[in-house]
Amino acid sequence: MIMNFGLSGIALILITLFLIFLPIPLAMKRDRNPVLWFLAGLILSPLLTIPLLLILGQKPTTL
């Protein structure tokens, strides 16, 4: 079976991949575990984890 996604289908796939991998650099910038945030984005939704990372901000440092 040949799948014909067309240009809009390819754009949708690229945007989805971008959103799935976006939590990784955001988590690294905020000193949070990028693997866990990537998995959270896969399980929950990147549209939920990205704003959550932005709201949580920098990981608090402990003495």
N, C-alpha and C. Protein backbone atom coordinates (compact mmCIF):
# COMPACT_ATOMS: atom_id res chain seq x y z
N MET A 1 0.85 -1.18 0.00
CA MET A 1 0.00 0.00 0.00
C MET A 1 0.89 1.24 0.00
N ILE A 2 0.64 2.11 -0.92
CA ILE A 2 1.41 3.34 -1.04
C ILE A 2 0.68 4.45 -0.31
N MET A 3 1.40 5.14 0.58
CA MET A 3 0.80 6.24 1.32
C MET A 3 1.17 7.55 0.65
N ASN A 4 0.17 8.36 0.40
CA ASN A 4 0.40 9.65 -0.22
C ASN A 4 0.00 10.73 0.78
N PHE A 5 0.98 11.23 1.53
CA PHE A 5 0.71 12.24 2.54
C PHE A 5 0.53 13.63 1.92
N GLY A 6 1.24 13.90 0.89
CA GLY A 6 1.20 15.23 0.32
C GLY A 6 2.03 16.18 1.14
N LEU A 7 2.08 17.42 0.71
CA LEU A 7 2.90 18.42 1.38
C LEU A 7 2.37 18.75 2.77
N SER A 8 1.05 18.80 2.92
CA SER A 8 0.49 19.13 4.23
C SER A 8 0.74 18.00 5.23
N GLY A 9 0.73 16.77 4.78
CA GLY A 9 1.02 15.64 5.67
C GLY A 9 2.46 15.64 6.14
N ILE A 10 3.37 15.98 5.23
CA ILE A 10 4.79 16.05 5.60
C ILE A 10 5.02 17.19 6.58
N ALA A 11 4.35 18.32 6.36
CA ALA A 11 4.47 19.45 7.28
C ALA A 11 3.94 19.08 8.66
N LEU A 12 2.84 18.35 8.70
CA LEU A 12 2.27 17.92 9.98
C LEU A 12 3.22 16.98 10.72
N ILE A 13 3.85 16.07 10.01
CA ILE A 13 4.82 15.16 10.62
C ILE A 13 6.02 15.93 11.16
N LEU A 14 6.53 16.88 10.39
CA LEU A 14 7.69 17.66 10.84
C LEU A 14 7.36 18.52 12.06
N ILE A 15 6.20 19.13 12.08
CA ILE A 15 5.78 19.93 13.24
C ILE A 15 5.62 19.05 14.47
N THR A 16 5.04 17.87 14.28
CA THR A 16 4.86 16.94 15.40
C THR A 16 6.21 16.49 15.96
N LEU A 17 7.14 16.15 15.09
CA LEU A 17 8.48 15.75 15.55
C LEU A 17 9.18 16.89 16.28
N PHE A 18 9.03 18.10 15.77
CA PHE A 18 9.62 19.27 16.43
C PHE A 18 9.05 19.43 17.83
N LEU A 19 7.72 19.31 17.96
CA LEU A 19 7.09 19.47 19.27
C LEU A 19 7.46 18.34 20.23
N ILE A 20 7.66 17.14 19.70
CA ILE A 20 8.03 16.01 20.56
C ILE A 20 9.44 16.20 21.12
N PHE A 21 10.36 16.73 20.31
CA PHE A 21 11.75 16.88 20.77
C PHE A 21 12.05 18.23 21.41
N LEU A 22 11.14 19.19 21.35
CA LEU A 22 11.37 20.51 21.94
C LEU A 22 11.58 20.49 23.46
N PRO A 23 10.91 19.64 24.23
CA PRO A 23 11.16 19.64 25.69
C PRO A 23 12.60 19.29 26.07
N ILE A 24 13.35 18.61 25.21
CA ILE A 24 14.72 18.22 25.56
C ILE A 24 15.61 19.44 25.79
N PRO A 25 15.77 20.37 24.83
CA PRO A 25 16.62 21.53 25.10
C PRO A 25 16.03 22.46 26.16
N LEU A 26 14.70 22.52 26.25
CA LEU A 26 14.08 23.35 27.28
C LEU A 26 14.43 22.82 28.67
N ALA A 27 14.38 21.51 28.84
CA ALA A 27 14.71 20.90 30.13
C ALA A 27 16.18 21.07 30.45
N MET A 28 17.05 20.91 29.46
CA MET A 28 18.48 21.06 29.69
C MET A 28 18.81 22.49 30.11
N LYS A 29 18.17 23.46 29.49
CA LYS A 29 18.41 24.86 29.82
C LYS A 29 17.98 25.18 31.25
N ARG A 30 17.00 24.44 31.75
CA ARG A 30 16.47 24.69 33.09
C ARG A 30 17.00 23.70 34.13
N ASP A 31 18.08 22.99 33.80
CA ASP A 31 18.71 22.02 34.69
C ASP A 31 17.75 20.93 35.15
N ARG A 32 16.91 20.47 34.25
CA ARG A 32 15.98 19.38 34.56
C ARG A 32 16.34 18.18 33.68
N ASN A 33 15.87 17.01 34.04
CA ASN A 33 16.21 15.78 33.35
C ASN A 33 15.55 15.76 31.96
N PRO A 34 16.33 15.86 30.88
CA PRO A 34 15.73 15.92 29.54
C PRO A 34 15.06 14.61 29.12
N VAL A 35 15.56 13.47 29.59
CA VAL A 35 14.96 12.19 29.21
C VAL A 35 13.56 12.06 29.81
N LEU A 36 13.42 12.44 31.07
CA LEU A 36 12.11 12.36 31.71
C LEU A 36 11.11 13.31 31.06
N TRP A 37 11.57 14.49 30.70
CA TRP A 37 10.67 15.46 30.06
C TRP A 37 10.31 15.03 28.65
N PHE A 38 11.24 14.36 27.95
CA PHE A 38 10.93 13.82 26.63
C PHE A 38 9.87 12.74 26.76
N LEU A 39 10.05 11.83 27.72
CA LEU A 39 9.07 10.76 27.93
C LEU A 39 7.72 11.32 28.37
N ALA A 40 7.75 12.35 29.20
CA ALA A 40 6.49 12.98 29.61
C ALA A 40 5.78 13.59 28.41
N GLY A 41 6.55 14.16 27.49
CA GLY A 41 5.95 14.71 26.28
C GLY A 41 5.36 13.64 25.39
N LEU A 42 5.99 12.48 25.34
CA LEU A 42 5.44 11.37 24.55
C LEU A 42 4.18 10.81 25.18
N ILE A 43 4.20 10.65 26.50
CA ILE A 43 3.07 10.03 27.19
C ILE A 43 1.90 11.00 27.33
N LEU A 44 2.17 12.20 27.81
CA LEU A 44 1.09 13.17 28.04
C LEU A 44 0.78 13.92 26.74
N SER A 45 1.64 14.87 26.45
CA SER A 45 1.52 15.66 25.22
C SER A 45 2.58 16.73 25.26
N PRO A 46 3.22 16.99 24.13
CA PRO A 46 4.19 18.09 24.13
C PRO A 46 3.51 19.43 24.40
N LEU A 47 2.24 19.53 24.03
CA LEU A 47 1.50 20.78 24.26
C LEU A 47 1.21 21.00 25.75
N LEU A 48 1.38 19.97 26.55
CA LEU A 48 1.23 20.10 28.00
C LEU A 48 2.60 20.26 28.67
N THR A 49 3.60 19.52 28.23
CA THR A 49 4.90 19.56 28.89
C THR A 49 5.68 20.83 28.59
N ILE A 50 5.55 21.39 27.40
CA ILE A 50 6.30 22.61 27.07
C ILE A 50 5.86 23.78 27.95
N PRO A 51 4.55 24.08 28.06
CA PRO A 51 4.17 25.17 28.97
C PRO A 51 4.51 24.87 30.43
N LEU A 52 4.42 23.59 30.82
CA LEU A 52 4.76 23.23 32.19
C LEU A 52 6.23 23.52 32.49
N LEU A 53 7.10 23.19 31.55
CA LEU A 53 8.52 23.51 31.72
C LEU A 53 8.75 25.02 31.81
N LEU A 54 8.04 25.76 31.00
CA LEU A 54 8.19 27.22 31.02
C LEU A 54 7.68 27.81 32.33
N ILE A 55 6.61 27.26 32.88
CA ILE A 55 6.07 27.75 34.14
C ILE A 55 6.98 27.37 35.31
N LEU A 56 7.48 26.14 35.32
CA LEU A 56 8.33 25.70 36.42
C LEU A 56 9.65 26.46 36.47
N GLY A 57 10.19 26.78 35.32
CA GLY A 57 11.43 27.55 35.27
C GLY A 57 12.64 26.74 35.72
N GLN A 58 13.63 27.47 36.22
CA GLN A 58 14.90 26.88 36.64
C GLN A 58 14.71 25.97 37.84
N LYS A 59 15.38 24.84 37.84
CA LYS A 59 15.34 23.91 38.96
C LYS A 59 15.99 24.57 40.17
N PRO A 60 15.33 24.55 41.32
CA PRO A 60 15.95 25.17 42.51
C PRO A 60 17.21 24.40 42.93
N THR A 61 18.21 25.14 43.32
CA THR A 61 19.45 24.52 43.77
C THR A 61 19.37 24.20 45.25
N THR A 62 19.98 23.08 45.64
CA THR A 62 20.00 22.70 47.05
C THR A 62 21.43 22.84 47.56
N LEU A 63 21.54 23.11 48.81
CA LEU A 63 22.86 23.31 49.41
C LEU A 63 23.48 22.01 49.80
